[in-house]
């Protein structure tokens, strides 16, 4: 399960000084900002939304289940009583539902500053794809790619107005070749390229494909054998998102980023090489 394509920096599993969110919480650095998060009813999405709320942002929570979203909203408000939170029921593969969600978010708050495309799907990784239902295999691709595309399609024009931020929740799996995980891995790899296109075609928006880390979420329960590797906290990607959208890491726009990387080390030891070599993007490995 160890990644074969990664930066050789210190691996982080929880909040560290470089992403300490207390600066944002105490300073309310996201006050006046509007953040939309898909897949926000639990796990990574809820925690990311919660961190933005605690930093002063207004929230648009998007998910498929009304009861789950309302419970997530309640938990977020228990941490930040004065947070402004709107809930939108939408399946990210439904183009018109996503369009309406973005429009209604802007109507409610007047702007859009950060989008976190977190909704995703993963199936058990136990046998070749030819032995699974082909429609279900494609459904994973649809949720993970079309769902992110739909949000980007309608949100990017609004983000361009605010010179905002777009975060795609990707995966370290995008850089791996895990037998039996073809739908998940292929979709996450494709998201890296979509992220590069967003950067190329919408230069006023900063965009990142973020590996959130190895976290024991409900989706991860489909593959219990991976449990020994699921050692990272929900707070790790949430705090990383705050740093990525703070203006400190705009130079990483258009690239794959991992929450497991110590971003201080990335800045100090790797920034010049990454920029010079146009690194952290999908590229065919050509023998030299």
Protein backbone atom coordinates (compact mmCIF):
# COMPACT_ATOMS: atom_id res chain seq x y z
CA UNK A 1 0.00 0.00 0.00
CA UNK A 2 2.99 2.35 0.27
CA UNK A 3 3.08 4.98 -2.49
CA UNK A 4 5.82 4.61 -5.08
CA UNK A 5 5.61 8.18 -6.39
CA UNK A 6 5.90 10.70 -3.59
CA UNK A 7 7.99 13.60 -2.33
CA UNK A 8 10.66 12.49 0.18
CA UNK A 9 9.54 14.81 2.97
CA UNK A 10 8.50 14.12 6.54
CA UNK A 11 5.19 12.26 6.58
CA UNK A 12 2.55 13.96 8.72
CA UNK A 13 -0.49 12.23 10.20
CA UNK A 14 -2.02 15.00 12.30
CA UNK A 15 -1.92 18.76 12.74
CA UNK A 16 1.64 20.14 12.96
CA UNK A 17 2.85 23.70 13.55
CA UNK A 18 2.89 24.58 9.85
CA UNK A 19 -0.86 24.02 9.55
CA UNK A 20 -1.91 24.96 13.08
CA UNK A 21 -5.49 26.19 12.59
CA UNK A 22 -5.54 28.29 15.76
CA UNK A 23 -4.19 31.23 13.74
CA UNK A 24 -7.29 31.09 11.56
CA UNK A 25 -9.69 30.28 14.38
CA UNK A 26 -8.46 33.07 16.66
CA UNK A 27 -8.02 35.59 13.87
CA UNK A 28 -11.24 34.69 12.04
CA UNK A 29 -9.20 34.89 8.84
CA UNK A 30 -12.04 33.57 6.68
CA UNK A 31 -14.65 36.02 7.91
CA UNK A 32 -16.65 37.29 4.93
CA UNK A 33 -15.66 34.27 2.82
CA UNK A 34 -18.12 31.70 1.48
CA UNK A 35 -17.12 28.04 1.28
CA UNK A 36 -19.01 25.29 -0.55
CA UNK A 37 -18.24 21.68 0.38
CA UNK A 38 -19.68 18.60 -1.33
CA UNK A 39 -19.97 15.32 0.53
CA UNK A 40 -20.30 17.49 3.63
CA UNK A 41 -22.57 15.32 5.75
CA UNK A 42 -19.81 13.32 7.45
CA UNK A 43 -16.14 12.45 7.64
CA UNK A 44 -13.60 14.50 5.72
CA UNK A 45 -16.15 16.86 4.17
CA UNK A 46 -17.79 17.72 7.47
CA UNK A 47 -14.46 18.29 9.21
CA UNK A 48 -13.20 20.57 6.45
CA UNK A 49 -16.44 22.56 6.58
CA UNK A 50 -16.21 22.76 10.36
CA UNK A 51 -12.68 24.19 10.23
CA UNK A 52 -13.73 26.88 7.75
CA UNK A 53 -16.72 27.79 9.93
CA UNK A 54 -14.51 28.04 13.01
CA UNK A 55 -12.25 30.36 10.97
CA UNK A 56 -15.22 32.66 10.28
CA UNK A 57 -16.49 31.47 6.88
CA UNK A 58 -20.11 31.03 5.81
CA UNK A 59 -20.89 27.53 4.59
CA UNK A 60 -22.81 25.83 1.81
CA UNK A 61 -23.09 22.16 2.76
CA UNK A 62 -23.95 19.82 -0.12
CA UNK A 63 -24.99 16.19 0.09
CA UNK A 64 -27.62 13.66 -0.91
CA UNK A 65 -29.27 13.01 2.46
CA UNK A 66 -31.20 15.78 4.16
CA UNK A 67 -31.16 14.25 7.66
CA UNK A 68 -27.41 13.62 7.55
CA UNK A 69 -26.69 17.14 6.33
CA UNK A 70 -28.85 18.70 9.03
CA UNK A 71 -27.03 16.63 11.67
CA UNK A 72 -23.69 17.78 10.28
CA UNK A 73 -24.91 21.38 10.35
CA UNK A 74 -25.92 20.95 13.99
CA UNK A 75 -22.50 19.56 14.91
CA UNK A 76 -20.77 22.44 13.13
CA UNK A 77 -22.93 25.02 14.87
CA UNK A 78 -22.11 23.43 18.21
CA UNK A 79 -18.49 24.46 17.56
CA UNK A 80 -19.28 27.89 16.02
CA UNK A 81 -22.68 29.10 17.14
CA UNK A 82 -22.75 32.20 14.96
CA UNK A 83 -21.73 30.44 11.73
CA UNK A 84 -23.94 31.04 8.71
CA UNK A 85 -24.74 27.63 7.25
CA UNK A 86 -26.99 26.71 4.34
CA UNK A 87 -27.83 23.11 3.39
CA UNK A 88 -28.42 21.94 -0.19
CA UNK A 89 -29.63 18.49 -1.17
CA UNK A 90 -27.99 17.45 -4.43
CA UNK A 91 -26.40 14.44 -6.08
CA UNK A 92 -23.17 15.72 -7.66
CA UNK A 93 -23.75 13.68 -10.82
CA UNK A 94 -27.04 15.56 -11.40
CA UNK A 95 -25.98 18.50 -13.55
CA UNK A 96 -29.08 20.62 -12.98
CA UNK A 97 -29.08 19.99 -9.23
CA UNK A 98 -25.47 21.12 -9.01
CA UNK A 99 -26.20 24.20 -11.14
CA UNK A 100 -29.08 25.13 -8.83
CA UNK A 101 -26.92 24.56 -5.73
CA UNK A 102 -24.20 26.93 -6.92
CA UNK A 103 -26.74 29.55 -8.00
CA UNK A 104 -28.61 29.33 -4.71
CA UNK A 105 -25.38 29.52 -2.72
CA UNK A 106 -24.40 32.75 -4.49
CA UNK A 107 -27.93 34.08 -4.09
CA UNK A 108 -27.87 33.35 -0.36
CA UNK A 109 -24.40 34.73 0.39
CA UNK A 110 -23.61 37.03 -2.53
CA UNK A 111 -20.32 35.37 -3.48
CA UNK A 112 -18.27 32.18 -3.57
CA UNK A 113 -14.63 32.02 -2.40
CA UNK A 114 -13.71 28.38 -1.83
CA UNK A 115 -15.04 25.12 -3.25
CA UNK A 116 -14.05 21.74 -1.83
CA UNK A 117 -15.15 18.90 -4.12
CA UNK A 118 -15.11 16.07 -1.61
CA UNK A 119 -17.98 13.77 -2.65
CA UNK A 120 -16.67 10.43 -3.87
CA UNK A 121 -17.23 6.70 -4.19
CA UNK A 122 -15.06 3.62 -3.61
CA UNK A 123 -15.93 -0.07 -3.90
CA UNK A 124 -14.36 -3.18 -2.37
CA UNK A 125 -11.01 -4.03 -3.96
CA UNK A 126 -11.20 -7.81 -4.02
CA UNK A 127 -11.37 -9.10 -7.60
CA UNK A 128 -10.73 -8.09 -11.22
CA UNK A 129 -13.04 -5.47 -12.68
CA UNK A 130 -14.37 -8.05 -15.16
CA UNK A 131 -15.97 -9.85 -12.21
CA UNK A 132 -17.87 -6.82 -10.97
CA UNK A 133 -21.05 -5.23 -12.28
CA UNK A 134 -19.88 -2.97 -15.14
CA UNK A 135 -22.57 -0.39 -14.38
CA UNK A 136 -21.36 -0.08 -10.80
CA UNK A 137 -17.74 0.24 -11.98
CA UNK A 138 -18.80 3.12 -14.22
CA UNK A 139 -20.88 4.66 -11.43
CA UNK A 140 -17.70 5.06 -9.38
CA UNK A 141 -16.06 6.80 -12.33
CA UNK A 142 -19.12 9.00 -12.76
CA UNK A 143 -19.31 10.10 -9.13
CA UNK A 144 -15.59 10.74 -8.82
CA UNK A 145 -15.06 12.49 -12.16
CA UNK A 146 -18.40 13.85 -13.34
CA UNK A 147 -19.30 14.95 -9.81
CA UNK A 148 -16.13 17.04 -9.55
CA UNK A 149 -16.54 18.33 -13.11
CA UNK A 150 -20.14 19.42 -12.46
CA UNK A 151 -19.19 21.48 -9.43
CA UNK A 152 -16.21 22.99 -11.26
CA UNK A 153 -18.29 23.79 -14.35
CA UNK A 154 -20.72 26.00 -12.45
CA UNK A 155 -18.52 27.22 -9.60
CA UNK A 156 -15.41 28.33 -11.50
CA UNK A 157 -17.02 31.46 -13.03
CA UNK A 158 -18.02 32.54 -9.53
CA UNK A 159 -14.60 31.71 -8.09
CA UNK A 160 -12.97 33.74 -10.87
CA UNK A 161 -14.89 36.80 -9.67
CA UNK A 162 -13.40 36.49 -6.18
CA UNK A 163 -10.03 35.08 -7.32
CA UNK A 164 -10.93 32.15 -5.16
CA UNK A 165 -9.84 28.59 -4.56
CA UNK A 166 -10.88 25.18 -5.83
CA UNK A 167 -9.84 22.03 -3.97
CA UNK A 168 -10.43 18.58 -5.42
CA UNK A 169 -10.18 15.83 -2.84
CA UNK A 170 -8.02 13.34 -4.70
CA UNK A 171 -6.01 10.40 -3.43
CA UNK A 172 -2.52 9.00 -3.15
CA UNK A 173 -4.09 6.13 -5.09
CA UNK A 174 -3.83 8.31 -8.20
CA UNK A 175 -0.11 7.52 -8.19
CA UNK A 176 -0.50 3.79 -7.46
CA UNK A 177 -1.42 0.68 -9.42
CA UNK A 178 -3.45 -1.36 -6.96
CA UNK A 179 -4.94 -4.58 -8.36
CA UNK A 180 -8.75 -4.65 -8.18
CA UNK A 181 -9.07 -0.90 -7.50
CA UNK A 182 -9.23 0.22 -11.14
CA UNK A 183 -12.35 2.39 -10.98
CA UNK A 184 -11.22 4.34 -7.92
CA UNK A 185 -7.57 4.70 -8.93
CA UNK A 186 -8.31 5.59 -12.55
CA UNK A 187 -10.85 8.21 -11.52
CA UNK A 188 -8.48 9.83 -9.03
CA UNK A 189 -5.67 9.85 -11.57
CA UNK A 190 -7.98 11.56 -14.07
CA UNK A 191 -8.82 14.22 -11.47
CA UNK A 192 -5.19 15.27 -11.37
CA UNK A 193 -5.40 16.06 -15.09
CA UNK A 194 -8.74 17.86 -14.67
CA UNK A 195 -7.09 19.95 -11.98
CA UNK A 196 -4.35 20.87 -14.46
CA UNK A 197 -6.96 21.97 -17.00
CA UNK A 198 -8.73 24.11 -14.42
CA UNK A 199 -5.43 25.84 -13.73
CA UNK A 200 -4.74 26.36 -17.44
CA UNK A 201 -8.20 27.59 -18.40
CA UNK A 202 -9.10 29.60 -15.27
CA UNK A 203 -5.89 31.40 -14.24
CA UNK A 204 -7.72 33.63 -11.75
CA UNK A 205 -8.64 30.57 -9.67
CA UNK A 206 -6.13 28.66 -7.56
CA UNK A 207 -6.79 24.93 -7.75
CA UNK A 208 -5.29 21.86 -6.08
CA UNK A 209 -5.78 18.09 -6.23
CA UNK A 210 -5.38 17.18 -2.56
CA UNK A 211 -4.66 13.74 -1.16
CA UNK A 212 -6.36 13.99 2.26
CA UNK A 213 -4.28 11.22 3.81
CA UNK A 214 -5.08 7.68 4.93
CA UNK A 215 -8.16 8.15 7.08
CA UNK A 216 -10.57 5.58 8.49
CA UNK A 217 -13.83 6.93 7.06
CA UNK A 218 -17.08 5.09 6.40
CA UNK A 219 -16.10 4.81 2.72
CA UNK A 220 -12.82 3.18 3.71
CA UNK A 221 -14.76 0.45 5.51
CA UNK A 222 -15.35 -1.15 2.10
CA UNK A 223 -11.76 -2.35 2.32
CA UNK A 224 -11.10 -3.35 5.95
CA UNK A 225 -7.77 -4.96 5.05
CA UNK A 226 -6.40 -1.44 4.58
CA UNK A 227 -7.10 -0.58 8.23
CA UNK A 228 -3.45 -0.82 9.38
CA UNK A 229 -2.56 2.00 6.97
CA UNK A 230 -5.46 4.26 7.94
CA UNK A 231 -3.58 6.21 10.59
CA UNK A 232 -4.26 9.87 9.79
CA UNK A 233 -6.73 12.19 11.52
CA UNK A 234 -9.65 14.04 9.98
CA UNK A 235 -8.08 17.25 11.22
CA UNK A 236 -5.02 16.79 8.95
CA UNK A 237 -6.78 17.54 5.62
CA UNK A 238 -9.04 20.15 7.23
CA UNK A 239 -6.09 22.18 8.52
CA UNK A 240 -4.21 21.64 5.25
CA UNK A 241 -7.13 23.13 3.33
CA UNK A 242 -6.99 26.26 5.48
CA UNK A 243 -3.32 26.70 4.58
CA UNK A 244 -3.81 25.97 0.89
CA UNK A 245 -6.52 28.63 0.58
CA UNK A 246 -4.76 31.20 2.76
CA UNK A 247 -2.59 32.58 -0.05
CA UNK A 248 0.62 30.98 1.23
CA UNK A 249 0.67 28.15 -1.32
CA UNK A 250 -0.70 29.74 -4.49
CA UNK A 251 2.43 28.61 -6.33
CA UNK A 252 1.17 25.01 -5.99
CA UNK A 253 -1.94 25.77 -8.05
CA UNK A 254 -2.61 23.20 -10.76
CA UNK A 255 -0.65 20.50 -8.96
CA UNK A 256 -1.16 17.38 -6.88
CA UNK A 257 -0.58 18.02 -3.18
CA UNK A 258 -0.63 15.62 -0.25
CA UNK A 259 -1.84 16.45 3.24
CA UNK A 260 0.80 13.97 4.42
CA UNK A 261 3.59 16.28 3.24
CA UNK A 262 5.12 18.71 5.68
CA UNK A 263 4.36 21.84 3.67
CA UNK A 264 7.12 23.80 5.41
CA UNK A 265 9.65 21.29 4.03
CA UNK A 266 8.01 21.42 0.60
CA UNK A 267 8.37 25.21 0.54
CA UNK A 268 11.94 25.22 1.86
CA UNK A 269 13.47 22.24 0.07
CA UNK A 270 11.39 21.60 -3.03
CA UNK A 271 9.68 24.76 -4.25
CA UNK A 272 12.41 25.82 -6.68
CA UNK A 273 12.73 22.34 -8.19
CA UNK A 274 8.97 21.87 -8.49
CA UNK A 275 8.54 25.17 -10.32
CA UNK A 276 11.62 24.71 -12.51
CA UNK A 277 10.66 21.18 -13.57
CA UNK A 278 6.88 21.73 -13.70
CA UNK A 279 6.54 18.86 -11.26
CA UNK A 280 3.63 17.32 -9.33
CA UNK A 281 1.55 16.87 -12.48
CA UNK A 282 0.52 13.78 -14.45
CA UNK A 283 3.23 12.88 -16.94
CA UNK A 284 4.17 9.85 -19.00
CA UNK A 285 7.39 8.31 -17.69
CA UNK A 286 9.77 8.27 -20.64
CA UNK A 287 13.03 6.29 -20.32
CA UNK A 288 16.23 8.32 -20.51
